[in-house]
Amino acid sequence: MNQVLALVRLLRLPNLVIVFLTQLAPYWFALRPAILQAHGIPVLTIRTFGLIAAATVLTTLAGYVLNDYYDRKIDAINKPDRWVWGRFVPASMALTFYSVLVIVVHGLAFLIERELRPANHWPLWVFPAVSFLLFLYAWQLKCTAVIGNLLVSVLCGIVPIILLLPEDRQIWLTSFIQPDNMHRAVALVWLYAIFAFITNLLREQIKDLEDFQGDMACGCVTLAVLKGPRFAKKPAGFTGLAVSLLIVFLLYFWQQTEAPDWQIIAGVFLLLLPALFATAAVFRAKVKKDFSRASILVKVIMFAGVFLLLRSWPDDPMEIVATVRGFVGR
């Protein structure tokens, strides 16, 4: 049973779902409706969006697999119950699995290129570049102070921005017809990117504190190892304050723009309070479990933010069901 649970945890399904939703929500419920309202014709269909989402999710999964491969000695100390490669499965299988995932992603990139035929050929360089940076992160940069955290957080921020690339011409054309509407939609996509970047940065900083013992034992030079946990708490705490301030700004903006009461209330309980509690937990943390609780709170913020950042939902809730069913049917 432990072996099965460890293999399931290896896939990090909740994280992959968040990655998928970070593309689905802003595109299908903000950017695409704005293009249609301006009488534009969106480039992406359910099929082509699904290809991009699949490539993004599989690229993320490949990064996780490679990261776990290089971290197998560290995980044996930090997460003995979740340690898989070299325990339940031969470590060499991780590289095979990673290679298969990268080949599939590159195949999807060529398929996206053939379907969309963009002038700048973005699928042929975006996905390989992200794959290479994730490899670099897992191989070398994860065990560095600050640089690794920033890199992986930037890559998380890129996830929603990818959807702007195929629609760049339609965004430009429709901006002449309904400029305010299109600017709001594009700004929302960038808000998702900023939110993904800063929340993931906070989570990475907390993880470094949580994994301090294993990182130190295996020679990783994270900020917590280099300067000590007491020092590393400070930038993590300040990032937590930045997340809290961003959420306060959002709540104020929603109030000023007459957002529904339920959205503001949900924002307080699912975004602001978890951010404040996570920040306080980081500053007051004394043992590993304290950092684990803070990390869980950040995950709550990341998941809730996917839905709450949207300023408008379809009038008919069945539109959401139909969209999701369309992906499942594909």
C-alpha atoms as a PDB file:
ATOM      1  CA  MET A   1       0.000   0.000   0.000  1.00  0.00           C
ATOM      2  CA  ASN A   2       2.845   2.396   0.861  1.00  0.00           C
ATOM      3  CA  GLN A   3       4.430   1.600  -2.479  1.00  0.00           C
ATOM      4  CA  VAL A   4       1.246   2.497  -4.373  1.00  0.00           C
ATOM      5  CA  LEU A   5       0.790   5.743  -2.435  1.00  0.00           C
ATOM      6  CA  ALA A   6       4.413   6.707  -3.056  1.00  0.00           C
ATOM      7  CA  LEU A   7       4.018   6.101  -6.795  1.00  0.00           C
ATOM      8  CA  VAL A   8       0.809   8.176  -6.869  1.00  0.00           C
ATOM      9  CA  ARG A   9       2.487  11.003  -4.953  1.00  0.00           C
ATOM     10  CA  LEU A  10       5.332  10.844  -7.448  1.00  0.00           C
ATOM     11  CA  LEU A  11       2.982  12.239 -10.125  1.00  0.00           C
ATOM     12  CA  ARG A  12       2.014  15.231  -7.949  1.00  0.00           C
ATOM     13  CA  LEU A  13      -1.487  15.221  -9.409  1.00  0.00           C
ATOM     14  CA  PRO A  14      -2.765  18.227  -7.387  1.00  0.00           C
ATOM     15  CA  ASN A  15       0.103  20.345  -8.750  1.00  0.00           C
ATOM     16  CA  LEU A  16      -0.568  19.192 -12.312  1.00  0.00           C
ATOM     17  CA  VAL A  17      -4.265  20.037 -11.913  1.00  0.00           C
ATOM     18  CA  ILE A  18      -3.317  23.550 -10.772  1.00  0.00           C
ATOM     19  CA  VAL A  19      -1.047  23.936 -13.831  1.00  0.00           C
ATOM     20  CA  PHE A  20      -3.895  22.871 -16.128  1.00  0.00           C
ATOM     21  CA  LEU A  21      -6.439  25.153 -14.460  1.00  0.00           C
ATOM     22  CA  THR A  22      -4.000  28.085 -14.597  1.00  0.00           C
ATOM     23  CA  GLN A  23      -4.247  27.864 -18.374  1.00  0.00           C
ATOM     24  CA  LEU A  24      -7.887  26.818 -18.619  1.00  0.00           C
ATOM     25  CA  ALA A  25      -9.476  29.512 -16.426  1.00  0.00           C
ATOM     26  CA  PRO A  26      -7.957  32.723 -17.844  1.00  0.00           C
ATOM     27  CA  TYR A  27      -8.163  31.577 -21.458  1.00  0.00           C
ATOM     28  CA  TRP A  28     -11.657  30.050 -21.661  1.00  0.00           C
ATOM     29  CA  PHE A  29     -13.358  32.410 -19.222  1.00  0.00           C
ATOM     30  CA  ALA A  30     -11.558  35.701 -19.902  1.00  0.00           C
ATOM     31  CA  LEU A  31      -9.348  35.968 -22.981  1.00  0.00           C
ATOM     32  CA  ARG A  32     -11.409  33.911 -25.421  1.00  0.00           C
ATOM     33  CA  PRO A  33     -14.770  35.530 -24.445  1.00  0.00           C
ATOM     34  CA  ALA A  34     -13.166  38.981 -24.869  1.00  0.00           C
ATOM     35  CA  ILE A  35     -12.001  38.093 -28.384  1.00  0.00           C
ATOM     36  CA  LEU A  36     -15.461  36.780 -29.295  1.00  0.00           C
ATOM     37  CA  GLN A  37     -17.205  39.853 -27.863  1.00  0.00           C
ATOM     38  CA  ALA A  38     -15.018  42.010 -30.109  1.00  0.00           C
ATOM     39  CA  HIS A  39     -16.159  39.895 -33.095  1.00  0.00           C
ATOM     40  CA  GLY A  40     -12.750  38.256 -33.401  1.00  0.00           C
ATOM     41  CA  ILE A  41     -12.104  34.618 -34.253  1.00  0.00           C
ATOM     42  CA  PRO A  42     -10.000  32.827 -31.625  1.00  0.00           C
ATOM     43  CA  VAL A  43      -7.165  30.780 -33.039  1.00  0.00           C
ATOM     44  CA  LEU A  44      -7.352  28.007 -30.480  1.00  0.00           C
ATOM     45  CA  THR A  45      -9.981  25.283 -30.539  1.00  0.00           C
ATOM     46  CA  ILE A  46     -10.593  22.717 -27.829  1.00  0.00           C
ATOM     47  CA  ARG A  47      -8.188  20.419 -29.705  1.00  0.00           C
ATOM     48  CA  THR A  48      -5.329  22.894 -30.061  1.00  0.00           C
ATOM     49  CA  PHE A  49      -5.767  24.211 -26.531  1.00  0.00           C
ATOM     50  CA  GLY A  50      -5.735  20.629 -25.299  1.00  0.00           C
ATOM     51  CA  LEU A  51      -2.450  20.009 -27.127  1.00  0.00           C
ATOM     52  CA  ILE A  52      -0.858  23.081 -25.514  1.00  0.00           C
ATOM     53  CA  ALA A  53      -2.202  22.159 -22.075  1.00  0.00           C
ATOM     54  CA  ALA A  54      -0.983  18.570 -22.464  1.00  0.00           C
ATOM     55  CA  ALA A  55       2.485  19.746 -23.498  1.00  0.00           C
ATOM     56  CA  THR A  56       2.600  22.119 -20.517  1.00  0.00           C
ATOM     57  CA  VAL A  57       1.438  19.527 -17.990  1.00  0.00           C
ATOM     58  CA  LEU A  58       3.778  16.816 -19.323  1.00  0.00           C
ATOM     59  CA  THR A  59       6.705  19.256 -19.315  1.00  0.00           C
ATOM     60  CA  THR A  60       5.922  19.971 -15.663  1.00  0.00           C
ATOM     61  CA  LEU A  61       5.691  16.250 -14.885  1.00  0.00           C
ATOM     62  CA  ALA A  62       9.026  15.618 -16.619  1.00  0.00           C
ATOM     63  CA  GLY A  63      10.573  18.296 -14.420  1.00  0.00           C
ATOM     64  CA  TYR A  64       9.176  16.617 -11.305  1.00  0.00           C
ATOM     65  CA  VAL A  65      10.531  13.209 -12.346  1.00  0.00           C
ATOM     66  CA  LEU A  66      14.016  14.549 -13.021  1.00  0.00           C
ATOM     67  CA  ASN A  67      13.953  16.585  -9.823  1.00  0.00           C
ATOM     68  CA  ASP A  68      13.044  13.489  -7.805  1.00  0.00           C
ATOM     69  CA  TYR A  69      15.824  11.537  -9.516  1.00  0.00           C
ATOM     70  CA  TYR A  70      18.510  14.021  -8.515  1.00  0.00           C
ATOM     71  CA  ASP A  71      16.939  14.470  -5.063  1.00  0.00           C
ATOM     72  CA  ARG A  72      16.614  10.782  -4.218  1.00  0.00           C
ATOM     73  CA  LYS A  73      19.307  10.921  -1.502  1.00  0.00           C
ATOM     74  CA  ILE A  74      17.836  14.116  -0.072  1.00  0.00           C
ATOM     75  CA  ASP A  75      14.301  12.675  -0.141  1.00  0.00           C
ATOM     76  CA  ALA A  76      15.529   9.590   1.717  1.00  0.00           C
ATOM     77  CA  ILE A  77      16.232  11.981   4.620  1.00  0.00           C
ATOM     78  CA  ASN A  78      13.530  14.621   4.224  1.00  0.00           C
ATOM     79  CA  LYS A  79      10.644  12.476   2.934  1.00  0.00           C
ATOM     80  CA  PRO A  80      11.359   8.795   3.637  1.00  0.00           C
ATOM     81  CA  ASP A  81       7.691   7.865   3.148  1.00  0.00           C
ATOM     82  CA  ARG A  82       7.656   9.488  -0.333  1.00  0.00           C
ATOM     83  CA  TRP A  83      11.037   8.311  -1.540  1.00  0.00           C
ATOM     84  CA  VAL A  84      10.469   6.254  -4.709  1.00  0.00           C
ATOM     85  CA  TRP A  85      13.456   6.179  -7.100  1.00  0.00           C
ATOM     86  CA  GLY A  86      16.002   3.678  -5.844  1.00  0.00           C
ATOM     87  CA  ARG A  87      13.572   2.304  -3.278  1.00  0.00           C
ATOM     88  CA  PHE A  88      10.446   1.004  -5.006  1.00  0.00           C
ATOM     89  CA  VAL A  89      11.589   1.610  -8.578  1.00  0.00           C
ATOM     90  CA  PRO A  90      15.147   1.404  -9.987  1.00  0.00           C
ATOM     91  CA  ALA A  91      16.654   4.885 -10.226  1.00  0.00           C
ATOM     92  CA  SER A  92      17.554   4.296 -13.888  1.00  0.00           C
ATOM     93  CA  MET A  93      13.835   4.041 -14.686  1.00  0.00           C
ATOM     94  CA  ALA A  94      13.454   7.708 -13.753  1.00  0.00           C
ATOM     95  CA  LEU A  95      15.719   8.744 -16.633  1.00  0.00           C
ATOM     96  CA  THR A  96      13.819   6.457 -19.009  1.00  0.00           C
ATOM     97  CA  PHE A  97      10.477   7.887 -17.883  1.00  0.00           C
ATOM     98  CA  TYR A  98      11.849  11.420 -18.153  1.00  0.00           C
ATOM     99  CA  SER A  99      13.167  10.767 -21.674  1.00  0.00           C
ATOM    100  CA  VAL A 100       9.808   9.389 -22.807  1.00  0.00           C
ATOM    101  CA  LEU A 101       7.990  12.431 -21.413  1.00  0.00           C
ATOM    102  CA  VAL A 102      10.385  14.860 -23.139  1.00  0.00           C
ATOM    103  CA  ILE A 103      10.009  13.011 -26.460  1.00  0.00           C
ATOM    104  CA  VAL A 104       6.216  13.154 -26.139  1.00  0.00           C
ATOM    105  CA  VAL A 105       6.340  16.882 -25.300  1.00  0.00           C
ATOM    106  CA  HIS A 106       8.531  17.624 -28.323  1.00  0.00           C
ATOM    107  CA  GLY A 107       6.170  15.569 -30.477  1.00  0.00           C
ATOM    108  CA  LEU A 108       3.258  17.637 -29.189  1.00  0.00           C
ATOM    109  CA  ALA A 109       5.234  20.812 -29.920  1.00  0.00           C
ATOM    110  CA  PHE A 110       5.663  19.753 -33.565  1.00  0.00           C
ATOM    111  CA  LEU A 111       1.961  18.875 -33.732  1.00  0.00           C
ATOM    112  CA  ILE A 112       1.012  22.306 -32.316  1.00  0.00           C
ATOM    113  CA  GLU A 113       3.336  23.920 -34.858  1.00  0.00           C
ATOM    114  CA  ARG A 114       1.690  22.026 -37.710  1.00  0.00           C
ATOM    115  CA  GLU A 115      -1.826  22.846 -36.488  1.00  0.00           C
ATOM    116  CA  LEU A 116      -1.301  26.576 -35.830  1.00  0.00           C
ATOM    117  CA  ARG A 117       1.572  27.444 -38.206  1.00  0.00           C
ATOM    118  CA  PRO A 118       2.609  30.560 -36.226  1.00  0.00           C
ATOM    119  CA  ALA A 119       4.959  32.992 -37.952  1.00  0.00           C
ATOM    120  CA  ASN A 120       7.409  33.009 -35.051  1.00  0.00           C
ATOM    121  CA  HIS A 121       7.291  29.183 -34.607  1.00  0.00           C
ATOM    122  CA  TRP A 122       6.878  29.605 -30.850  1.00  0.00           C
ATOM    123  CA  PRO A 123       5.969  25.935 -30.094  1.00  0.00           C
ATOM    124  CA  LEU A 124       9.349  24.787 -31.445  1.00  0.00           C
ATOM    125  CA  TRP A 125      11.336  26.934 -29.010  1.00  0.00           C
ATOM    126  CA  VAL A 126       9.108  27.553 -25.979  1.00  0.00           C
ATOM    127  CA  PHE A 127       8.650  23.944 -24.873  1.00  0.00           C
ATOM    128  CA  PRO A 128      12.258  22.825 -25.551  1.00  0.00           C
ATOM    129  CA  ALA A 129      13.532  25.937 -23.741  1.00  0.00           C
ATOM    130  CA  VAL A 130      11.340  25.285 -20.698  1.00  0.00           C
ATOM    131  CA  SER A 131      12.372  21.610 -20.685  1.00  0.00           C
ATOM    132  CA  PHE A 132      16.036  22.612 -20.752  1.00  0.00           C
ATOM    133  CA  LEU A 133      15.609  25.134 -17.935  1.00  0.00           C
ATOM    134  CA  LEU A 134      13.812  22.547 -15.796  1.00  0.00           C
ATOM    135  CA  PHE A 135      16.664  20.125 -16.475  1.00  0.00           C
ATOM    136  CA  LEU A 136      19.157  22.809 -15.459  1.00  0.00           C
ATOM    137  CA  TYR A 137      17.145  23.488 -12.306  1.00  0.00           C
ATOM    138  CA  ALA A 138      16.985  19.820 -11.274  1.00  0.00           C
ATOM    139  CA  TRP A 139      20.624  19.132 -12.168  1.00  0.00           C
ATOM    140  CA  GLN A 140      22.341  22.181 -10.688  1.00  0.00           C
ATOM    141  CA  LEU A 141      20.230  25.155  -9.678  1.00  0.00           C
ATOM    142  CA  LYS A 142      17.844  23.578  -7.167  1.00  0.00           C
ATOM    143  CA  CYS A 143      20.631  23.392  -4.610  1.00  0.00           C
ATOM    144  CA  THR A 144      21.648  27.016  -5.015  1.00  0.00           C
ATOM    145  CA  ALA A 145      20.624  30.035  -2.977  1.00  0.00           C
ATOM    146  CA  VAL A 146      17.833  32.150  -4.517  1.00  0.00           C
ATOM    147  CA  ILE A 147      18.594  31.492  -8.233  1.00  0.00           C
ATOM    148  CA  GLY A 148      16.834  28.130  -8.331  1.00  0.00           C
ATOM    149  CA  ASN A 149      13.783  29.480  -6.522  1.00  0.00           C
ATOM    150  CA  LEU A 150      13.511  32.421  -8.901  1.00  0.00           C
ATOM    151  CA  LEU A 151      13.942  30.266 -12.010  1.00  0.00           C
ATOM    152  CA  VAL A 152      11.243  27.741 -11.184  1.00  0.00           C
ATOM    153  CA  SER A 153       8.894  30.538 -10.079  1.00  0.00           C
ATOM    154  CA  VAL A 154       9.400  32.398 -13.361  1.00  0.00           C
ATOM    155  CA  LEU A 155       8.614  29.185 -15.242  1.00  0.00           C
ATOM    156  CA  CYS A 156       5.390  28.851 -13.227  1.00  0.00           C
ATOM    157  CA  GLY A 157       4.516  32.433 -14.168  1.00  0.00           C
ATOM    158  CA  ILE A 158       4.996  31.598 -17.853  1.00  0.00           C
ATOM    159  CA  VAL A 159       2.244  28.932 -17.747  1.00  0.00           C
ATOM    160  CA  PRO A 160      -0.743  31.288 -18.378  1.00  0.00           C
ATOM    161  CA  ILE A 161       1.288  33.618 -20.620  1.00  0.00           C
ATOM    162  CA  ILE A 162       1.826  30.809 -23.145  1.00  0.00           C
ATOM    163  CA  LEU A 163      -1.816  31.212 -24.178  1.00  0.00           C
ATOM    164  CA  LEU A 164      -1.158  34.789 -25.311  1.00  0.00           C
ATOM    165  CA  LEU A 165       1.274  33.589 -27.994  1.00  0.00           C
ATOM    166  CA  PRO A 166      -1.178  31.873 -30.384  1.00  0.00           C
ATOM    167  CA  GLU A 167      -3.736  34.664 -29.966  1.00  0.00           C
ATOM    168  CA  ASP A 168      -1.329  37.606 -30.366  1.00  0.00           C
ATOM    169  CA  ARG A 169      -2.727  38.725 -33.729  1.00  0.00           C
ATOM    170  CA  GLN A 170      -6.358  38.371 -32.632  1.00  0.00           C
ATOM    171  CA  ILE A 171      -5.590  40.352 -29.474  1.00  0.00           C
ATOM    172  CA  TRP A 172      -3.998  43.085 -31.583  1.00  0.00           C
ATOM    173  CA  LEU A 173      -6.928  43.246 -34.055  1.00  0.00           C
ATOM    174  CA  THR A 174      -9.708  43.185 -31.469  1.00  0.00           C
ATOM    175  CA  SER A 175      -7.911  45.819 -29.380  1.00  0.00           C
ATOM    176  CA  PHE A 176      -8.977  48.365 -32.020  1.00  0.00           C
ATOM    177  CA  ILE A 177     -12.640  47.367 -31.647  1.00  0.00           C
ATOM    178  CA  GLN A 178     -12.999  46.939 -27.878  1.00  0.00           C
ATOM    179  CA  PRO A 179      -9.742  48.198 -26.376  1.00  0.00           C
ATOM    180  CA  ASP A 180     -10.890  48.365 -22.750  1.00  0.00           C
ATOM    181  CA  ASN A 181     -12.351  44.875 -22.802  1.00  0.00           C
ATOM    182  CA  MET A 182      -9.267  43.351 -24.416  1.00  0.00           C
ATOM    183  CA  HIS A 183      -6.868  45.190 -22.127  1.00  0.00           C
ATOM    184  CA  ARG A 184      -8.752  43.861 -19.098  1.00  0.00           C
ATOM    185  CA  ALA A 185      -8.606  40.309 -20.450  1.00  0.00           C
ATOM    186  CA  VAL A 186      -4.876  40.471 -21.203  1.00  0.00           C
ATOM    187  CA  ALA A 187      -4.220  42.136 -17.837  1.00  0.00           C
ATOM    188  CA  LEU A 188      -6.036  39.263 -16.134  1.00  0.00           C
ATOM    189  CA  VAL A 189      -3.763  36.735 -17.850  1.00  0.00           C
ATOM    190  CA  TRP A 190      -0.747  38.687 -16.575  1.00  0.00           C
ATOM    191  CA  LEU A 191      -2.326  38.816 -13.107  1.00  0.00           C
ATOM    192  CA  TYR A 192      -2.494  35.012 -13.171  1.00  0.00           C
ATOM    193  CA  ALA A 193       1.193  34.996 -14.151  1.00  0.00           C
ATOM    194  CA  ILE A 194       2.200  37.339 -11.316  1.00  0.00           C
ATOM    195  CA  PHE A 195       0.089  35.412  -8.826  1.00  0.00           C
ATOM    196  CA  ALA A 196       1.619  32.098  -9.944  1.00  0.00           C
ATOM    197  CA  PHE A 197       5.130  33.553  -9.722  1.00  0.00           C
ATOM    198  CA  ILE A 198       4.887  35.060  -6.252  1.00  0.00           C
ATOM    199  CA  THR A 199       2.938  32.221  -4.610  1.00  0.00           C
ATOM    200  CA  ASN A 200       5.303  29.632  -6.046  1.00  0.00           C
ATOM    201  CA  LEU A 201       8.305  31.681  -4.888  1.00  0.00           C
ATOM    202  CA  LEU A 202       6.894  31.643  -1.362  1.00  0.00           C
ATOM    203  CA  ARG A 203       6.334  27.893  -1.552  1.00  0.00           C
ATOM    204  CA  GLU A 204       9.875  27.274  -2.825  1.00  0.00           C
ATOM    205  CA  GLN A 205      11.343  29.333   0.006  1.00  0.00           C
ATOM    206  CA  ILE A 206       9.282  27.432   2.565  1.00  0.00           C
ATOM    207  CA  LYS A 207      10.319  24.109   1.020  1.00  0.00           C
ATOM    208  CA  ASP A 208      13.979  25.055   1.395  1.00  0.00           C
ATOM    209  CA  LEU A 209      13.373  25.674   5.081  1.00  0.00           C
ATOM    210  CA  GLU A 210      11.344  22.470   5.414  1.00  0.00           C
ATOM    211  CA  ASP A 211      14.065  20.391   3.694  1.00  0.00           C
ATOM    212  CA  PHE A 212      16.958  22.030   5.537  1.00  0.00           C
ATOM    213  CA  GLN A 213      18.297  18.871   7.200  1.00  0.00           C
ATOM    214  CA  GLY A 214      18.407  16.742   4.052  1.00  0.00           C
ATOM    215  CA  ASP A 215      19.802  19.590   1.960  1.00  0.00           C
ATOM    216  CA  MET A 216      22.599  20.203   4.457  1.00  0.00           C
ATOM    217  CA  ALA A 217      23.441  16.494   4.725  1.00  0.00           C
ATOM    218  CA  CYS A 218      23.705  16.127   0.949  1.00  0.00           C
ATOM    219  CA  GLY A 219      25.719  19.271   0.307  1.00  0.00           C
ATOM    220  CA  CYS A 220      23.020  21.533  -1.138  1.00  0.00           C
ATOM    221  CA  VAL A 221      23.805  25.222  -0.753  1.00  0.00           C
ATOM    222  CA  THR A 222      20.304  26.653  -0.389  1.00  0.00           C
ATOM    223  CA  LEU A 223      19.859  29.918   1.477  1.00  0.00           C
ATOM    224  CA  ALA A 224      18.771  28.016   4.585  1.00  0.00           C
ATOM    225  CA  VAL A 225      21.976  25.946   4.489  1.00  0.00           C
ATOM    226  CA  LEU A 226      24.231  28.858   3.536  1.00  0.00           C
ATOM    227  CA  LYS A 227      22.946  31.408   6.052  1.00  0.00           C
ATOM    228  CA  GLY A 228      20.948  29.257   8.436  1.00  0.00           C
ATOM    229  CA  PRO A 229      17.170  28.800   8.844  1.00  0.00           C
ATOM    230  CA  ARG A 230      16.869  31.839  11.087  1.00  0.00           C
ATOM    231  CA  PHE A 231      18.180  34.079   8.307  1.00  0.00           C
ATOM    232  CA  ALA A 232      16.273  32.254   5.531  1.00  0.00           C
ATOM    233  CA  LYS A 233      12.989  32.859   7.357  1.00  0.00           C
ATOM    234  CA  LYS A 234      13.306  36.590   6.651  1.00  0.00           C
ATOM    235  CA  PRO A 235      13.074  36.568   2.817  1.00  0.00           C
ATOM    236  CA  ALA A 236      10.377  33.865   3.010  1.00  0.00           C
ATOM    237  CA  GLY A 237       8.438  35.997   5.478  1.00  0.00           C
ATOM    238  CA  PHE A 238       8.804  39.105   3.344  1.00  0.00           C
ATOM    239  CA  THR A 239       7.565  37.148   0.304  1.00  0.00           C
ATOM    240  CA  GLY A 240       4.595  36.074   2.417  1.00  0.00           C
ATOM    241  CA  LEU A 241       3.925  39.719   3.247  1.00  0.00           C
ATOM    242  CA  ALA A 242       4.150  40.574  -0.467  1.00  0.00           C
ATOM    243  CA  VAL A 243       1.584  37.858  -1.239  1.00  0.00           C
ATOM    244  CA  SER A 244      -0.670  39.246   1.494  1.00  0.00           C
ATOM    245  CA  LEU A 245      -0.346  42.802   0.157  1.00  0.00           C
ATOM    246  CA  LEU A 246      -1.169  41.622  -3.367  1.00  0.00           C
ATOM    247  CA  ILE A 247      -4.296  39.931  -2.046  1.00  0.00           C
ATOM    248  CA  VAL A 248      -5.281  43.043  -0.062  1.00  0.00           C
ATOM    249  CA  PHE A 249      -4.917  45.080  -3.253  1.00  0.00           C
ATOM    250  CA  LEU A 250      -7.089  42.578  -5.122  1.00  0.00           C
ATOM    251  CA  LEU A 251      -9.776  42.676  -2.426  1.00  0.00           C
ATOM    252  CA  TYR A 252      -9.777  46.486  -2.507  1.00  0.00           C
ATOM    253  CA  PHE A 253      -9.959  46.452  -6.313  1.00  0.00           C
ATOM    254  CA  TRP A 254     -12.830  43.957  -6.255  1.00  0.00           C
ATOM    255  CA  GLN A 255     -14.701  46.122  -3.742  1.00  0.00           C
ATOM    256  CA  GLN A 256     -14.188  49.281  -5.810  1.00  0.00           C
ATOM    257  CA  THR A 257     -15.323  47.563  -9.008  1.00  0.00           C
ATOM    258  CA  GLU A 258     -18.455  46.101  -7.385  1.00  0.00           C
ATOM    259  CA  ALA A 259     -17.404  42.467  -7.397  1.00  0.00           C
ATOM    260  CA  PRO A 260     -19.949  40.005  -5.922  1.00  0.00           C
ATOM    261  CA  ASP A 261     -19.942  39.843  -2.137  1.00  0.00           C
ATOM    262  CA  TRP A 262     -19.255  36.101  -2.214  1.00  0.00           C
ATOM    263  CA  GLN A 263     -16.027  36.695  -4.156  1.00  0.00           C
ATOM    264  CA  ILE A 264     -14.749  39.213  -1.620  1.00  0.00           C
ATOM    265  CA  ILE A 265     -15.713  36.994   1.332  1.00  0.00           C
ATOM    266  CA  ALA A 266     -14.116  33.960  -0.319  1.00  0.00           C
ATOM    267  CA  GLY A 267     -11.029  36.042  -1.044  1.00  0.00           C
ATOM    268  CA  VAL A 268     -10.706  36.920   2.634  1.00  0.00           C
ATOM    269  CA  PHE A 269     -11.088  33.335   3.888  1.00  0.00           C
ATOM    270  CA  LEU A 270      -9.338  31.415   1.092  1.00  0.00           C
ATOM    271  CA  LEU A 271      -6.629  33.905   0.084  1.00  0.00           C
ATOM    272  CA  LEU A 272      -5.903  36.609   2.666  1.00  0.00           C
ATOM    273  CA  LEU A 273      -6.205  34.630   5.911  1.00  0.00           C
ATOM    274  CA  PRO A 274      -4.150  31.654   4.633  1.00  0.00           C
ATOM    275  CA  ALA A 275      -1.483  34.108   3.400  1.00  0.00           C
ATOM    276  CA  LEU A 276      -1.316  35.841   6.785  1.00  0.00           C
ATOM    277  CA  PHE A 277      -1.294  32.543   8.695  1.00  0.00           C
ATOM    278  CA  ALA A 278       1.403  31.117   6.399  1.00  0.00           C
ATOM    279  CA  THR A 279       3.550  34.218   6.880  1.00  0.00           C
ATOM    280  CA  ALA A 280       3.114  34.093  10.639  1.00  0.00           C
ATOM    281  CA  ALA A 281       3.891  30.362  10.628  1.00  0.00           C
ATOM    282  CA  VAL A 282       7.160  30.992   8.771  1.00  0.00           C
ATOM    283  CA  PHE A 283       8.309  33.647  11.227  1.00  0.00           C
ATOM    284  CA  ARG A 284       7.318  31.553  14.248  1.00  0.00           C
ATOM    285  CA  ALA A 285       8.351  28.131  12.919  1.00  0.00           C
ATOM    286  CA  LYS A 286      10.631  26.054  15.115  1.00  0.00           C
ATOM    287  CA  VAL A 287      10.279  22.520  13.719  1.00  0.00           C
ATOM    288  CA  LYS A 288       9.754  20.969  10.290  1.00  0.00           C
ATOM    289  CA  LYS A 289       6.006  20.473  10.834  1.00  0.00           C
ATOM    290  CA  ASP A 290       5.538  24.233  11.179  1.00  0.00           C
ATOM    291  CA  PHE A 291       6.960  24.759   7.697  1.00  0.00           C
ATOM    292  CA  SER A 292       4.833  21.880   6.356  1.00  0.00           C
ATOM    293  CA  ARG A 293       1.681  23.612   7.610  1.00  0.00           C
ATOM    294  CA  ALA A 294       2.748  26.863   5.976  1.00  0.00           C
ATOM    295  CA  SER A 295       3.369  25.005   2.704  1.00  0.00           C
ATOM    296  CA  ILE A 296      -0.144  23.512   2.810  1.00  0.00           C
ATOM    297  CA  LEU A 297      -1.627  26.982   3.316  1.00  0.00           C
ATOM    298  CA  VAL A 298       0.243  28.262   0.263  1.00  0.00           C
ATOM    299  CA  LYS A 299      -1.209  25.392  -1.788  1.00  0.00           C
ATOM    300  CA  VAL A 300      -4.691  26.447  -0.638  1.00  0.00           C
ATOM    301  CA  ILE A 301      -3.954  29.989  -1.866  1.00  0.00           C
ATOM    302  CA  MET A 302      -2.665  28.724  -5.224  1.00  0.00           C
ATOM    303  CA  PHE A 303      -5.698  26.493  -5.820  1.00  0.00           C
ATOM    304  CA  ALA A 304      -8.301  29.017  -4.645  1.00  0.00           C
ATOM    305  CA  GLY A 305      -6.636  31.801  -6.615  1.00  0.00           C
ATOM    306  CA  VAL A 306      -7.168  29.936  -9.891  1.00  0.00           C
ATOM    307  CA  PHE A 307     -10.908  30.452  -9.485  1.00  0.00           C
ATOM    308  CA  LEU A 308     -11.146  33.672  -7.487  1.00  0.00           C
ATOM    309  CA  LEU A 309      -8.948  35.751  -9.797  1.00  0.00           C
ATOM    310  CA  LEU A 310     -11.622  35.544 -12.479  1.00  0.00           C
ATOM    311  CA  ARG A 311     -13.795  38.641 -12.479  1.00  0.00           C
ATOM    312  CA  SER A 312     -16.698  37.057 -14.332  1.00  0.00           C
ATOM    313  CA  TRP A 313     -18.105  33.594 -14.719  1.00  0.00           C
ATOM    314  CA  PRO A 314     -20.475  32.310 -17.430  1.00  0.00           C
ATOM    315  CA  ASP A 315     -24.097  33.225 -16.749  1.00  0.00           C
ATOM    316  CA  ASP A 316     -25.015  29.585 -17.277  1.00  0.00           C
ATOM    317  CA  PRO A 317     -22.926  27.273 -15.039  1.00  0.00           C
ATOM    318  CA  MET A 318     -23.488  24.498 -17.599  1.00  0.00           C
ATOM    319  CA  GLU A 319     -21.068  26.327 -19.903  1.00  0.00           C
ATOM    320  CA  ILE A 320     -18.273  25.359 -17.504  1.00  0.00           C
ATOM    321  CA  VAL A 321     -19.467  21.752 -17.471  1.00  0.00           C
ATOM    322  CA  ALA A 322     -19.676  21.724 -21.269  1.00  0.00           C
ATOM    323  CA  THR A 323     -16.135  23.094 -21.585  1.00  0.00           C
ATOM    324  CA  VAL A 324     -14.679  20.507 -19.215  1.00  0.00           C
ATOM    325  CA  ARG A 325     -16.694  17.753 -20.896  1.00  0.00           C
ATOM    326  CA  GLY A 326     -15.278  18.868 -24.231  1.00  0.00           C
ATOM    327  CA  PHE A 327     -11.741  18.245 -22.958  1.00  0.00           C
ATOM    328  CA  VAL A 328     -12.692  14.877 -21.487  1.00  0.00           C
ATOM    329  CA  GLY A 329     -14.343  13.902 -24.761  1.00  0.00           C
ATOM    330  CA  ARG A 330     -11.175  14.694 -26.639  1.00  0.00           C
END
